[in-house]
């Protein structure tokens, strides 16, 4: 089932990208395996997944250890990271989608330096104004200039590399409801690129199981798809 689901989602991504004049190869699929057992993760990797996304550090470390390094899979942290988990993120993940504070950024920079590598990160931006969401407050365009001092400090950290932005729109079973939030993130990316052209703001992590096709239409380069591939999460 996971194999079939994975191939079906890949086909939908390719079809949607071509239909809007985009290169399917420029869109990365991050398979979200939160709550699923190691066996399910191994199944989706066997189906062809090359990027696995996890929300919780401890759960991810268990899976990373079980899967081992016999397959060329990247592990991406996509959930909120507590400062005390920064070292583990630097040691075990290839990418962070959810950088949401300067405090966390400085810790990641320090631990990445100690590990002798540079960690690619995306800035998590709250474009909806929901209190439950993490990230920089970005739902009011007139206040975007207030974000620039933080961005400047982030870009000065030598051991993290800002690659773009990430967001999560309010949950809705109607995919079209996500479109305006994706449009805001794209506009914010252009705003930052205008102010800091030396940085490559190429990545937009947006779009999940219910709305990833809309996100492709609006410029997403990373899709975080879980349920549509892995099925419902087993009860804890």
C-alpha atoms as a PDB file:
ATOM      1  CA  UNK A   1       0.000   0.000   0.000  1.00  0.00           C
ATOM      2  CA  UNK A   2       2.764   2.461   0.912  1.00  0.00           C
ATOM      3  CA  UNK A   3       4.561   1.605  -2.320  1.00  0.00           C
ATOM      4  CA  UNK A   4       1.450   2.318  -4.378  1.00  0.00           C
ATOM      5  CA  UNK A   5       0.676   5.511  -2.450  1.00  0.00           C
ATOM      6  CA  UNK A   6       4.205   6.807  -2.953  1.00  0.00           C
ATOM      7  CA  UNK A   7       4.137   6.188  -6.687  1.00  0.00           C
ATOM      8  CA  UNK A   8       0.678   7.785  -6.966  1.00  0.00           C
ATOM      9  CA  UNK A   9       1.840  10.943  -5.181  1.00  0.00           C
ATOM     10  CA  UNK A  10       4.952  11.159  -7.367  1.00  0.00           C
ATOM     11  CA  UNK A  11       2.724  10.902 -10.438  1.00  0.00           C
ATOM     12  CA  UNK A  12       0.430  13.659  -9.136  1.00  0.00           C
ATOM     13  CA  UNK A  13       3.417  15.906  -8.430  1.00  0.00           C
ATOM     14  CA  UNK A  14       4.819  15.370 -11.898  1.00  0.00           C
ATOM     15  CA  UNK A  15       1.486  15.960 -13.608  1.00  0.00           C
ATOM     16  CA  UNK A  16       0.758  19.132 -11.654  1.00  0.00           C
ATOM     17  CA  UNK A  17       4.248  20.531 -12.221  1.00  0.00           C
ATOM     18  CA  UNK A  18       4.064  19.959 -15.967  1.00  0.00           C
ATOM     19  CA  UNK A  19       0.553  21.435 -16.125  1.00  0.00           C
ATOM     20  CA  UNK A  20       1.820  24.752 -14.694  1.00  0.00           C
ATOM     21  CA  UNK A  21       5.034  24.811 -16.704  1.00  0.00           C
ATOM     22  CA  UNK A  22       7.393  23.750 -13.921  1.00  0.00           C
ATOM     23  CA  UNK A  23      10.182  21.186 -13.932  1.00  0.00           C
ATOM     24  CA  UNK A  24       9.103  18.243 -11.730  1.00  0.00           C
ATOM     25  CA  UNK A  25      12.768  17.687 -10.923  1.00  0.00           C
ATOM     26  CA  UNK A  26      12.856  21.011  -9.088  1.00  0.00           C
ATOM     27  CA  UNK A  27      10.288  19.812  -6.549  1.00  0.00           C
ATOM     28  CA  UNK A  28      11.442  17.662  -3.627  1.00  0.00           C
ATOM     29  CA  UNK A  29       9.122  15.262  -1.842  1.00  0.00           C
ATOM     30  CA  UNK A  30       9.680  15.009   1.899  1.00  0.00           C
ATOM     31  CA  UNK A  31       7.841  11.937   3.178  1.00  0.00           C
ATOM     32  CA  UNK A  32       6.583  12.658   6.693  1.00  0.00           C
ATOM     33  CA  UNK A  33       6.751   9.542   8.869  1.00  0.00           C
ATOM     34  CA  UNK A  34       5.739  10.967  12.249  1.00  0.00           C
ATOM     35  CA  UNK A  35       4.027   8.335  14.354  1.00  0.00           C
ATOM     36  CA  UNK A  36       4.740   5.463  11.986  1.00  0.00           C
ATOM     37  CA  UNK A  37       6.901   2.468  12.918  1.00  0.00           C
ATOM     38  CA  UNK A  38      10.348   1.755  11.538  1.00  0.00           C
ATOM     39  CA  UNK A  39       8.925  -0.934   9.251  1.00  0.00           C
ATOM     40  CA  UNK A  40       6.738   1.639   7.507  1.00  0.00           C
ATOM     41  CA  UNK A  41       9.705   3.979   7.100  1.00  0.00           C
ATOM     42  CA  UNK A  42      11.721   1.160   5.564  1.00  0.00           C
ATOM     43  CA  UNK A  43       8.818   0.432   3.204  1.00  0.00           C
ATOM     44  CA  UNK A  44       8.643   3.971   1.860  1.00  0.00           C
ATOM     45  CA  UNK A  45      12.413   4.110   1.433  1.00  0.00           C
ATOM     46  CA  UNK A  46      12.212   0.840  -0.502  1.00  0.00           C
ATOM     47  CA  UNK A  47       9.487   2.450  -2.648  1.00  0.00           C
ATOM     48  CA  UNK A  48      11.953   5.148  -3.669  1.00  0.00           C
ATOM     49  CA  UNK A  49      11.736   7.909  -1.052  1.00  0.00           C
ATOM     50  CA  UNK A  50      14.999   9.804  -0.711  1.00  0.00           C
ATOM     51  CA  UNK A  51      13.966  12.382   1.915  1.00  0.00           C
ATOM     52  CA  UNK A  52      12.250  11.466   5.188  1.00  0.00           C
ATOM     53  CA  UNK A  53      10.799  14.182   7.431  1.00  0.00           C
ATOM     54  CA  UNK A  54      10.304  13.824  11.166  1.00  0.00           C
ATOM     55  CA  UNK A  55       8.646  16.110  13.721  1.00  0.00           C
ATOM     56  CA  UNK A  56      10.143  14.859  16.973  1.00  0.00           C
ATOM     57  CA  UNK A  57      13.847  14.463  17.624  1.00  0.00           C
ATOM     58  CA  UNK A  58      13.689  11.405  19.918  1.00  0.00           C
ATOM     59  CA  UNK A  59      11.358   9.485  17.611  1.00  0.00           C
ATOM     60  CA  UNK A  60      13.539  10.350  14.640  1.00  0.00           C
ATOM     61  CA  UNK A  61      16.772   9.247  16.331  1.00  0.00           C
ATOM     62  CA  UNK A  62      15.267   5.824  17.013  1.00  0.00           C
ATOM     63  CA  UNK A  63      14.311   5.450  13.349  1.00  0.00           C
ATOM     64  CA  UNK A  64      17.617   6.807  12.059  1.00  0.00           C
ATOM     65  CA  UNK A  65      19.457   4.279  14.199  1.00  0.00           C
ATOM     66  CA  UNK A  66      17.225   1.418  13.068  1.00  0.00           C
ATOM     67  CA  UNK A  67      17.384   2.242   9.363  1.00  0.00           C
ATOM     68  CA  UNK A  68      21.130   2.814   9.506  1.00  0.00           C
ATOM     69  CA  UNK A  69      23.188   4.263   6.696  1.00  0.00           C
ATOM     70  CA  UNK A  70      22.730   1.477   4.168  1.00  0.00           C
ATOM     71  CA  UNK A  71      20.346   3.610   2.099  1.00  0.00           C
ATOM     72  CA  UNK A  72      21.093   7.088   0.702  1.00  0.00           C
ATOM     73  CA  UNK A  73      18.206   8.819   2.482  1.00  0.00           C
ATOM     74  CA  UNK A  74      18.231  12.348   3.878  1.00  0.00           C
ATOM     75  CA  UNK A  75      16.591  13.002   7.230  1.00  0.00           C
ATOM     76  CA  UNK A  76      14.896  16.383   7.555  1.00  0.00           C
ATOM     77  CA  UNK A  77      13.661  17.844  10.840  1.00  0.00           C
ATOM     78  CA  UNK A  78      10.376  19.576  10.091  1.00  0.00           C
ATOM     79  CA  UNK A  79       8.893  20.067  13.569  1.00  0.00           C
ATOM     80  CA  UNK A  80       9.489  22.576  16.326  1.00  0.00           C
ATOM     81  CA  UNK A  81      12.939  22.168  17.876  1.00  0.00           C
ATOM     82  CA  UNK A  82      13.565  22.982  21.529  1.00  0.00           C
ATOM     83  CA  UNK A  83      16.901  24.661  22.145  1.00  0.00           C
ATOM     84  CA  UNK A  84      18.120  21.701  24.189  1.00  0.00           C
ATOM     85  CA  UNK A  85      17.648  19.455  21.163  1.00  0.00           C
ATOM     86  CA  UNK A  86      19.807  21.613  18.875  1.00  0.00           C
ATOM     87  CA  UNK A  87      22.902  19.435  19.240  1.00  0.00           C
ATOM     88  CA  UNK A  88      21.008  16.299  18.209  1.00  0.00           C
ATOM     89  CA  UNK A  89      19.600  18.071  15.153  1.00  0.00           C
ATOM     90  CA  UNK A  90      23.082  19.113  14.052  1.00  0.00           C
ATOM     91  CA  UNK A  91      24.456  15.624  14.569  1.00  0.00           C
ATOM     92  CA  UNK A  92      21.706  13.581  12.927  1.00  0.00           C
ATOM     93  CA  UNK A  93      19.814  15.630  10.341  1.00  0.00           C
ATOM     94  CA  UNK A  94      20.701  16.862   6.872  1.00  0.00           C
ATOM     95  CA  UNK A  95      18.260  19.778   6.898  1.00  0.00           C
ATOM     96  CA  UNK A  96      16.063  21.834   9.218  1.00  0.00           C
ATOM     97  CA  UNK A  97      12.775  23.226   7.896  1.00  0.00           C
ATOM     98  CA  UNK A  98      11.634  24.847  11.128  1.00  0.00           C
ATOM     99  CA  UNK A  99      14.159  27.404  12.328  1.00  0.00           C
ATOM    100  CA  UNK A 100      11.955  29.765  14.333  1.00  0.00           C
ATOM    101  CA  UNK A 101      14.190  31.918  16.549  1.00  0.00           C
ATOM    102  CA  UNK A 102      17.560  33.601  16.805  1.00  0.00           C
ATOM    103  CA  UNK A 103      18.257  31.709  20.034  1.00  0.00           C
ATOM    104  CA  UNK A 104      17.883  28.372  18.277  1.00  0.00           C
ATOM    105  CA  UNK A 105      19.888  29.616  15.300  1.00  0.00           C
ATOM    106  CA  UNK A 106      22.839  30.551  17.493  1.00  0.00           C
ATOM    107  CA  UNK A 107      22.852  27.140  19.169  1.00  0.00           C
ATOM    108  CA  UNK A 108      22.642  25.373  15.824  1.00  0.00           C
ATOM    109  CA  UNK A 109      25.514  27.494  14.551  1.00  0.00           C
ATOM    110  CA  UNK A 110      27.634  26.578  17.555  1.00  0.00           C
ATOM    111  CA  UNK A 111      26.993  22.838  17.369  1.00  0.00           C
ATOM    112  CA  UNK A 112      27.398  22.773  13.587  1.00  0.00           C
ATOM    113  CA  UNK A 113      30.788  24.434  14.023  1.00  0.00           C
ATOM    114  CA  UNK A 114      31.756  21.789  16.585  1.00  0.00           C
ATOM    115  CA  UNK A 115      30.703  19.068  14.132  1.00  0.00           C
ATOM    116  CA  UNK A 116      32.641  20.690  11.310  1.00  0.00           C
ATOM    117  CA  UNK A 117      29.766  21.180   8.900  1.00  0.00           C
ATOM    118  CA  UNK A 118      27.180  23.705   7.754  1.00  0.00           C
ATOM    119  CA  UNK A 119      23.493  22.989   8.380  1.00  0.00           C
ATOM    120  CA  UNK A 120      21.007  24.098   5.689  1.00  0.00           C
ATOM    121  CA  UNK A 121      17.945  25.699   7.265  1.00  0.00           C
ATOM    122  CA  UNK A 122      14.616  27.242   6.317  1.00  0.00           C
ATOM    123  CA  UNK A 123      13.068  30.090   8.270  1.00  0.00           C
ATOM    124  CA  UNK A 124       9.665  29.132   9.617  1.00  0.00           C
ATOM    125  CA  UNK A 125       7.232  31.989   9.051  1.00  0.00           C
ATOM    126  CA  UNK A 126       3.783  32.340  10.588  1.00  0.00           C
ATOM    127  CA  UNK A 127       1.743  33.799   7.734  1.00  0.00           C
ATOM    128  CA  UNK A 128      -1.678  33.104   9.273  1.00  0.00           C
ATOM    129  CA  UNK A 129      -1.452  34.784  12.660  1.00  0.00           C
ATOM    130  CA  UNK A 130      -2.497  31.613  14.483  1.00  0.00           C
ATOM    131  CA  UNK A 131      -1.191  31.587  18.054  1.00  0.00           C
ATOM    132  CA  UNK A 132      -0.568  27.855  17.842  1.00  0.00           C
ATOM    133  CA  UNK A 133       2.002  28.322  15.063  1.00  0.00           C
ATOM    134  CA  UNK A 134       5.711  28.833  15.631  1.00  0.00           C
ATOM    135  CA  UNK A 135       7.927  31.059  13.526  1.00  0.00           C
ATOM    136  CA  UNK A 136       8.509  34.682  12.690  1.00  0.00           C
ATOM    137  CA  UNK A 137       5.342  36.810  12.650  1.00  0.00           C
ATOM    138  CA  UNK A 138       4.811  37.471   8.952  1.00  0.00           C
ATOM    139  CA  UNK A 139       1.074  37.781   8.412  1.00  0.00           C
ATOM    140  CA  UNK A 140       1.133  41.595   8.102  1.00  0.00           C
ATOM    141  CA  UNK A 141       3.087  42.745   5.072  1.00  0.00           C
ATOM    142  CA  UNK A 142       3.521  46.255   6.432  1.00  0.00           C
ATOM    143  CA  UNK A 143       5.553  44.782   9.309  1.00  0.00           C
ATOM    144  CA  UNK A 144       7.940  42.742   7.161  1.00  0.00           C
ATOM    145  CA  UNK A 145      10.693  45.387   7.483  1.00  0.00           C
ATOM    146  CA  UNK A 146      10.720  44.617  11.230  1.00  0.00           C
ATOM    147  CA  UNK A 147      11.958  41.107  10.379  1.00  0.00           C
ATOM    148  CA  UNK A 148      15.072  42.341   8.592  1.00  0.00           C
ATOM    149  CA  UNK A 149      17.314  42.825  11.667  1.00  0.00           C
ATOM    150  CA  UNK A 150      16.747  39.184  12.664  1.00  0.00           C
ATOM    151  CA  UNK A 151      17.360  37.981   9.125  1.00  0.00           C
ATOM    152  CA  UNK A 152      20.581  39.973   8.968  1.00  0.00           C
ATOM    153  CA  UNK A 153      21.838  38.300  12.132  1.00  0.00           C
ATOM    154  CA  UNK A 154      20.838  34.868  10.835  1.00  0.00           C
ATOM    155  CA  UNK A 155      22.690  35.383   7.575  1.00  0.00           C
ATOM    156  CA  UNK A 156      25.828  36.343   9.485  1.00  0.00           C
ATOM    157  CA  UNK A 157      26.035  32.975  11.266  1.00  0.00           C
ATOM    158  CA  UNK A 158      28.733  31.020   9.415  1.00  0.00           C
ATOM    159  CA  UNK A 159      27.682  27.448  10.218  1.00  0.00           C
ATOM    160  CA  UNK A 160      24.053  27.555   9.209  1.00  0.00           C
ATOM    161  CA  UNK A 161      22.976  28.306   5.670  1.00  0.00           C
ATOM    162  CA  UNK A 162      19.604  29.934   5.069  1.00  0.00           C
ATOM    163  CA  UNK A 163      18.088  28.332   1.960  1.00  0.00           C
ATOM    164  CA  UNK A 164      14.555  29.718   2.017  1.00  0.00           C
ATOM    165  CA  UNK A 165      11.286  29.717   3.948  1.00  0.00           C
ATOM    166  CA  UNK A 166       8.757  27.309   5.393  1.00  0.00           C
ATOM    167  CA  UNK A 167       5.145  27.727   6.476  1.00  0.00           C
ATOM    168  CA  UNK A 168       2.071  25.783   7.496  1.00  0.00           C
ATOM    169  CA  UNK A 169      -1.330  27.288   6.618  1.00  0.00           C
ATOM    170  CA  UNK A 170      -4.383  26.789   8.829  1.00  0.00           C
ATOM    171  CA  UNK A 171      -5.767  23.283   8.524  1.00  0.00           C
ATOM    172  CA  UNK A 172      -8.571  22.910   6.030  1.00  0.00           C
ATOM    173  CA  UNK A 173      -9.985  20.003   4.076  1.00  0.00           C
ATOM    174  CA  UNK A 174     -10.481  22.444   1.186  1.00  0.00           C
ATOM    175  CA  UNK A 175      -7.118  22.744  -0.612  1.00  0.00           C
ATOM    176  CA  UNK A 176      -7.981  26.120  -2.142  1.00  0.00           C
ATOM    177  CA  UNK A 177      -8.095  27.671   1.337  1.00  0.00           C
ATOM    178  CA  UNK A 178      -4.306  27.299   1.556  1.00  0.00           C
ATOM    179  CA  UNK A 179      -3.552  29.285  -1.587  1.00  0.00           C
ATOM    180  CA  UNK A 180      -3.446  32.809  -0.080  1.00  0.00           C
ATOM    181  CA  UNK A 181      -1.010  31.662   2.619  1.00  0.00           C
ATOM    182  CA  UNK A 182       1.293  30.117   0.018  1.00  0.00           C
ATOM    183  CA  UNK A 183       1.117  33.353  -1.948  1.00  0.00           C
ATOM    184  CA  UNK A 184       2.142  35.345   1.120  1.00  0.00           C
ATOM    185  CA  UNK A 185       5.168  33.099   1.686  1.00  0.00           C
ATOM    186  CA  UNK A 186       6.240  33.504  -1.938  1.00  0.00           C
ATOM    187  CA  UNK A 187       5.902  37.288  -1.639  1.00  0.00           C
ATOM    188  CA  UNK A 188       7.895  37.263   1.610  1.00  0.00           C
ATOM    189  CA  UNK A 189      10.630  35.256  -0.074  1.00  0.00           C
ATOM    190  CA  UNK A 190      10.827  37.885  -2.820  1.00  0.00           C
ATOM    191  CA  UNK A 191      10.938  40.628  -0.177  1.00  0.00           C
ATOM    192  CA  UNK A 192      13.923  39.012   1.541  1.00  0.00           C
ATOM    193  CA  UNK A 193      15.618  38.342  -1.795  1.00  0.00           C
ATOM    194  CA  UNK A 194      15.326  42.021  -2.705  1.00  0.00           C
ATOM    195  CA  UNK A 195      17.024  43.027   0.548  1.00  0.00           C
ATOM    196  CA  UNK A 196      19.605  40.220   0.656  1.00  0.00           C
ATOM    197  CA  UNK A 197      20.322  39.218  -2.941  1.00  0.00           C
ATOM    198  CA  UNK A 198      23.570  37.559  -1.928  1.00  0.00           C
ATOM    199  CA  UNK A 199      21.506  34.782  -0.309  1.00  0.00           C
ATOM    200  CA  UNK A 200      19.792  32.153  -2.427  1.00  0.00           C
ATOM    201  CA  UNK A 201      16.158  32.115  -1.271  1.00  0.00           C
ATOM    202  CA  UNK A 202      15.311  29.273  -3.633  1.00  0.00           C
ATOM    203  CA  UNK A 203      13.485  26.886  -1.296  1.00  0.00           C
ATOM    204  CA  UNK A 204       9.841  27.134  -0.265  1.00  0.00           C
ATOM    205  CA  UNK A 205       8.699  24.315   2.016  1.00  0.00           C
ATOM    206  CA  UNK A 206       4.911  24.422   1.872  1.00  0.00           C
ATOM    207  CA  UNK A 207       2.165  22.025   0.946  1.00  0.00           C
ATOM    208  CA  UNK A 208       1.075  18.831   2.692  1.00  0.00           C
ATOM    209  CA  UNK A 209      -1.204  15.898   1.926  1.00  0.00           C
ATOM    210  CA  UNK A 210      -4.359  17.974   1.506  1.00  0.00           C
ATOM    211  CA  UNK A 211      -2.939  20.873  -0.507  1.00  0.00           C
ATOM    212  CA  UNK A 212       0.391  19.987  -2.102  1.00  0.00           C
ATOM    213  CA  UNK A 213      -0.940  20.428  -5.633  1.00  0.00           C
ATOM    214  CA  UNK A 214      -2.040  23.994  -4.818  1.00  0.00           C
ATOM    215  CA  UNK A 215       1.406  24.635  -3.335  1.00  0.00           C
ATOM    216  CA  UNK A 216       3.058  23.491  -6.572  1.00  0.00           C
ATOM    217  CA  UNK A 217       0.962  26.034  -8.453  1.00  0.00           C
ATOM    218  CA  UNK A 218       2.243  28.712  -6.043  1.00  0.00           C
ATOM    219  CA  UNK A 219       5.944  27.840  -6.287  1.00  0.00           C
ATOM    220  CA  UNK A 220       6.650  25.221  -3.612  1.00  0.00           C
ATOM    221  CA  UNK A 221       9.991  23.466  -3.964  1.00  0.00           C
ATOM    222  CA  UNK A 222       9.575  21.117  -0.981  1.00  0.00           C
ATOM    223  CA  UNK A 223       6.379  19.211  -0.205  1.00  0.00           C
ATOM    224  CA  UNK A 224       5.853  17.656   3.231  1.00  0.00           C
ATOM    225  CA  UNK A 225       3.484  14.757   2.557  1.00  0.00           C
ATOM    226  CA  UNK A 226       2.597  12.198   5.202  1.00  0.00           C
ATOM    227  CA  UNK A 227      -0.919  10.723   5.336  1.00  0.00           C
ATOM    228  CA  UNK A 228      -1.384  10.562   1.572  1.00  0.00           C
ATOM    229  CA  UNK A 229       1.605   8.199   1.405  1.00  0.00           C
ATOM    230  CA  UNK A 230       1.915   6.577   4.827  1.00  0.00           C
ATOM    231  CA  UNK A 231      -1.794   6.319   5.627  1.00  0.00           C
ATOM    232  CA  UNK A 232      -3.336   7.379   8.952  1.00  0.00           C
ATOM    233  CA  UNK A 233      -0.988   7.387  11.917  1.00  0.00           C
ATOM    234  CA  UNK A 234      -1.406   4.356  14.185  1.00  0.00           C
ATOM    235  CA  UNK A 235      -2.908   5.129  17.598  1.00  0.00           C
ATOM    236  CA  UNK A 236      -0.254   5.753  20.240  1.00  0.00           C
END
